[in-house]
Amino acid sequence: MSLHITILPDAASFDRTAAERLYEQIAANPASVIGLSTGRTTGNMHRLLAEMLADRPLDLHAITFFGQDELTGVPASYNGACCQMLRTDLMDAIGMDDSHFLMLPTASDRYPQAAAAFTATLEARGGIDLLILGLGENGHLGFNQPGTPFGSTARIATITPELDARVRRELDLEPDHPLGGATLGLKDVMHARRLILAAKGTHKAAIVKQMLQGPVTEDIPASILQLHPACEFLLDAEASSLL
């Protein structure tokens, strides 16, 4: 199966193209269920989408946006929470309320049930039409770190020591305060009708090569995307430089 790879010449054209993909999805299906990811790769595309929707408004009354993952054990108002980043970059600018913007909770006494309810809600709205994915430097997708089973579903996973340390420092948390990362599982990701894997920058070049040209293995979670029938790999020139 040939892979759908799009390479843009620079970061600016990458951000613009990614935002256009989102805009085109909404225009084609105003009742779309669209999943978003947070991080350095996706922030600009969200802000550009907000500008596009301001310049060329679309009907958003039936749209559903959701976040692929979320930190757990932090206040919902924490600026580093995925919900807050998506609100800041996009949702507040386009006037999305909580009925059209769904997130895994940052806290729950019954998280397995909360995760199951989250995915059930997405299914009840018709399933995921488009999911935008970022790529971790070790090949992770969301909080699905290397070694995650391909059959995994939504759950709380561990976060990296680096992220753990940063969150504890920013929130002044005690060492025994539990932190985690709620995430869609790899099985959930693969059930989306359409995927876009977005990666930019030279620091992603090595893992992009492994993801696209290496074996499909749980050691590189993103390698499973080679098997998805409708995944576009959207790269800038730097991220694609080793292909």
Protein backbone atom coordinates (compact mmCIF):
# COMPACT_ATOMS: atom_id res chain seq x y z
CA MET A 1 0.00 0.00 0.00
CA SER A 2 1.44 3.37 -1.03
CA LEU A 3 1.57 6.06 1.62
CA HIS A 4 0.04 9.52 1.19
CA ILE A 5 2.91 11.88 2.02
CA THR A 6 2.66 15.66 1.55
CA ILE A 7 5.84 17.71 1.98
CA LEU A 8 5.66 21.49 2.38
CA PRO A 9 8.69 23.72 1.81
CA ASP A 10 8.68 25.52 5.16
CA ALA A 11 6.91 25.80 8.52
CA ALA A 12 4.64 28.64 7.40
CA SER A 13 3.24 26.72 4.43
CA PHE A 14 2.95 23.63 6.64
CA ASP A 15 0.82 25.51 9.19
CA ARG A 16 -1.34 27.06 6.48
CA THR A 17 -1.92 23.74 4.72
CA ALA A 18 -2.79 21.97 7.97
CA ALA A 19 -5.34 24.68 8.84
CA GLU A 20 -6.81 24.42 5.34
CA ARG A 21 -7.29 20.67 5.78
CA LEU A 22 -9.36 21.36 8.88
CA TYR A 23 -11.34 24.13 7.20
CA GLU A 24 -12.07 21.92 4.19
CA GLN A 25 -13.32 19.10 6.44
CA ILE A 26 -15.79 21.43 8.16
CA ALA A 27 -16.95 22.88 4.83
CA ALA A 28 -17.50 19.41 3.38
CA ASN A 29 -19.30 18.04 6.45
CA PRO A 30 -20.57 20.62 8.96
CA ALA A 31 -21.50 17.77 11.35
CA SER A 32 -17.95 16.41 11.44
CA VAL A 33 -16.39 14.94 14.57
CA ILE A 34 -12.83 16.31 14.55
CA GLY A 35 -10.03 15.37 16.93
CA LEU A 36 -7.20 17.77 17.71
CA SER A 37 -3.78 17.42 19.33
CA THR A 38 -1.81 20.00 21.29
CA GLY A 39 1.86 20.92 21.16
CA ARG A 40 4.39 23.00 19.27
CA THR A 41 3.45 21.35 15.96
CA THR A 42 -0.26 22.11 16.04
CA GLY A 43 -0.66 25.44 17.85
CA ASN A 44 -0.22 27.62 14.77
CA MET A 45 -2.62 25.55 12.68
CA HIS A 46 -5.32 26.07 15.31
CA ARG A 47 -4.76 29.81 15.40
CA LEU A 48 -4.80 29.99 11.60
CA LEU A 49 -8.03 27.99 11.48
CA ALA A 50 -9.62 30.53 13.83
CA GLU A 51 -8.54 33.31 11.45
CA MET A 52 -9.94 31.45 8.45
CA LEU A 53 -13.27 30.94 10.17
CA ALA A 54 -13.39 34.64 11.03
CA ASP A 55 -12.66 35.64 7.42
CA ARG A 56 -14.81 32.95 5.78
CA PRO A 57 -17.41 31.83 8.33
CA LEU A 58 -18.84 28.33 8.21
CA ASP A 59 -21.88 26.85 9.96
CA LEU A 60 -20.53 25.35 13.20
CA HIS A 61 -23.81 24.52 14.96
CA ALA A 62 -23.46 20.75 14.35
CA ILE A 63 -19.67 20.40 14.62
CA THR A 64 -17.88 18.42 17.35
CA PHE A 65 -14.27 19.09 18.27
CA PHE A 66 -12.47 16.94 20.81
CA GLY A 67 -9.00 16.54 22.26
CA GLN A 68 -7.04 13.36 21.65
CA ASP A 69 -5.51 13.42 25.12
CA GLU A 70 -5.37 15.27 28.43
CA LEU A 71 -3.23 15.51 31.55
CA THR A 72 -4.73 14.01 34.69
CA GLY A 73 -4.13 15.05 38.27
CA VAL A 74 -4.02 18.75 37.37
CA PRO A 75 -6.62 21.53 37.71
CA ALA A 76 -8.79 21.94 34.63
CA SER A 77 -7.71 25.60 34.60
CA TYR A 78 -3.98 24.75 34.38
CA ASN A 79 -2.46 26.49 31.35
CA GLY A 80 -0.56 23.32 30.48
CA ALA A 81 -3.74 21.23 30.30
CA CYS A 82 -4.66 20.25 26.76
CA CYS A 83 -8.16 21.66 27.24
CA GLN A 84 -6.83 25.08 28.12
CA MET A 85 -4.38 25.12 25.20
CA LEU A 86 -7.13 24.24 22.73
CA ARG A 87 -9.43 26.86 24.24
CA THR A 88 -6.73 29.52 24.01
CA ASP A 89 -5.65 28.68 20.45
CA LEU A 90 -9.02 27.96 18.86
CA MET A 91 -12.20 27.28 20.83
CA ASP A 92 -12.67 30.65 22.51
CA ALA A 93 -11.93 32.47 19.26
CA ILE A 94 -14.67 30.59 17.38
CA GLY A 95 -17.17 30.54 20.24
CA MET A 96 -17.29 26.80 20.91
CA ASP A 97 -19.22 25.76 24.01
CA ASP A 98 -18.84 22.52 25.96
CA SER A 99 -21.54 20.75 23.95
CA HIS A 100 -19.37 21.06 20.84
CA PHE A 101 -15.95 20.71 22.48
CA LEU A 102 -15.31 17.44 24.30
CA MET A 103 -12.31 16.55 26.44
CA LEU A 104 -11.24 13.67 28.62
CA PRO A 105 -11.45 14.94 32.23
CA THR A 106 -8.38 16.01 34.17
CA ALA A 107 -9.78 14.22 37.24
CA SER A 108 -12.25 11.41 37.91
CA ASP A 109 -12.84 8.89 40.67
CA ARG A 110 -13.80 6.32 38.02
CA TYR A 111 -11.51 6.98 35.09
CA PRO A 112 -12.06 3.74 33.15
CA GLN A 113 -15.77 4.52 33.07
CA ALA A 114 -15.09 8.16 32.15
CA ALA A 115 -12.83 7.12 29.27
CA ALA A 116 -15.40 4.62 28.02
CA ALA A 117 -18.13 7.26 28.21
CA PHE A 118 -15.95 9.69 26.23
CA THR A 119 -15.41 7.28 23.34
CA ALA A 120 -19.07 6.22 23.46
CA THR A 121 -20.08 9.86 23.02
CA LEU A 122 -17.84 10.18 19.98
CA GLU A 123 -19.42 7.06 18.51
CA ALA A 124 -22.92 8.33 19.25
CA ARG A 125 -22.12 11.45 17.22
CA GLY A 126 -21.15 9.29 14.25
CA GLY A 127 -17.55 8.37 15.01
CA ILE A 128 -14.33 10.25 14.28
CA ASP A 129 -14.32 11.85 10.83
CA LEU A 130 -10.86 13.43 11.07
CA LEU A 131 -8.14 13.12 13.70
CA ILE A 132 -5.05 15.32 13.65
CA LEU A 133 -2.06 13.60 15.25
CA GLY A 134 1.24 15.00 16.46
CA LEU A 135 4.35 12.82 16.47
CA GLY A 136 6.55 12.37 19.52
CA GLU A 137 10.31 12.15 19.06
CA ASN A 138 10.20 8.52 20.24
CA GLY A 139 7.23 7.73 17.99
CA HIS A 140 4.47 8.20 20.53
CA LEU A 141 0.93 9.23 19.59
CA GLY A 142 -0.89 11.08 22.34
CA PHE A 143 0.24 9.38 25.54
CA ASN A 144 0.68 6.04 23.77
CA GLN A 145 4.37 5.54 24.46
CA PRO A 146 6.63 2.87 22.88
CA GLY A 147 5.45 -0.56 23.90
CA THR A 148 1.76 0.38 23.95
CA PRO A 149 -0.29 -2.50 22.49
CA PHE A 150 -1.86 -1.77 19.13
CA GLY A 151 -5.18 -2.95 20.59
CA SER A 152 -5.17 -0.30 23.35
CA THR A 153 -8.24 1.86 23.95
CA ALA A 154 -8.89 5.09 25.90
CA ARG A 155 -7.32 5.05 29.35
CA ILE A 156 -4.86 6.78 31.70
CA ALA A 157 -1.25 6.16 30.72
CA THR A 158 2.02 7.23 32.31
CA ILE A 159 3.67 10.45 31.19
CA THR A 160 7.35 11.00 30.50
CA PRO A 161 9.66 11.91 33.40
CA GLU A 162 10.38 15.23 31.68
CA LEU A 163 6.71 16.20 31.46
CA ASP A 164 6.09 14.94 34.99
CA ALA A 165 8.89 17.13 36.34
CA ARG A 166 7.72 20.21 34.44
CA VAL A 167 4.11 19.93 35.59
CA ARG A 168 5.16 19.39 39.22
CA ARG A 169 7.44 22.41 39.05
CA GLU A 170 4.83 24.68 37.46
CA LEU A 171 2.08 23.64 39.88
CA ASP A 172 4.31 23.13 42.94
CA LEU A 173 2.98 19.60 43.44
CA GLU A 174 4.22 17.15 46.03
CA PRO A 175 6.29 14.18 44.78
CA ASP A 176 3.54 11.72 45.71
CA HIS A 177 0.77 13.62 43.90
CA PRO A 178 -0.43 11.31 41.08
CA LEU A 179 -0.08 12.59 37.52
CA GLY A 180 -0.92 10.82 34.28
CA GLY A 181 -2.03 11.25 30.71
CA ALA A 182 -5.50 10.29 29.55
CA THR A 183 -5.46 9.34 25.89
CA LEU A 184 -7.30 7.67 23.09
CA GLY A 185 -5.73 4.27 22.50
CA LEU A 186 -4.13 3.14 19.25
CA LYS A 187 -7.21 1.08 18.40
CA ASP A 188 -9.35 4.20 18.80
CA VAL A 189 -6.98 6.15 16.54
CA MET A 190 -7.11 3.51 13.82
CA HIS A 191 -10.92 3.57 13.84
CA ALA A 192 -10.98 7.22 12.68
CA ARG A 193 -12.18 7.52 9.10
CA ARG A 194 -9.38 9.91 8.20
CA LEU A 195 -6.08 10.77 9.86
CA ILE A 196 -3.49 13.48 9.36
CA LEU A 197 -0.10 12.92 11.01
CA ALA A 198 1.57 16.32 11.27
CA ALA A 199 5.31 16.68 11.88
CA LYS A 200 7.68 19.57 11.35
CA GLY A 201 11.26 20.46 12.26
CA THR A 202 14.63 18.73 12.01
CA HIS A 203 14.18 17.19 15.47
CA LYS A 204 11.41 15.02 13.98
CA ALA A 205 13.35 13.84 10.94
CA ALA A 206 14.78 10.65 12.44
CA ILE A 207 11.49 9.42 13.86
CA VAL A 208 9.63 10.34 10.65
CA LYS A 209 12.00 8.05 8.76
CA GLN A 210 11.45 5.22 11.26
CA MET A 211 7.69 5.72 11.22
CA LEU A 212 7.40 5.64 7.44
CA GLN A 213 10.24 3.37 6.33
CA GLY A 214 10.73 1.05 9.29
CA PRO A 215 8.72 -1.98 10.36
CA VAL A 216 5.25 -1.70 11.89
CA THR A 217 6.07 -2.30 15.53
CA GLU A 218 4.73 -1.40 18.96
CA ASP A 219 8.22 -0.04 19.69
CA ILE A 220 7.28 2.86 17.36
CA PRO A 221 3.55 3.42 17.99
CA ALA A 222 3.18 5.81 15.03
CA SER A 223 4.36 3.07 12.65
CA ILE A 224 0.85 1.57 12.81
CA LEU A 225 -0.33 4.52 10.70
CA GLN A 226 1.31 2.83 7.69
CA LEU A 227 -1.69 0.47 7.79
CA HIS A 228 -4.46 3.09 7.89
CA PRO A 229 -6.26 3.39 4.53
CA ALA A 230 -6.79 7.16 4.76
CA CYS A 231 -3.82 8.68 6.58
CA GLU A 232 -2.00 11.70 5.18
CA PHE A 233 1.51 12.31 6.48
CA LEU A 234 1.88 16.09 6.43
CA LEU A 235 5.53 17.13 6.76
CA ASP A 236 7.68 20.19 6.31
CA ALA A 237 10.98 19.98 4.44
CA GLU A 238 13.00 19.64 7.63
CA ALA A 239 10.93 16.76 9.04
CA SER A 240 11.15 14.93 5.71
CA SER A 241 14.88 15.52 5.18
CA LEU A 242 15.96 11.91 5.87
CA LEU A 243 13.39 10.25 3.62
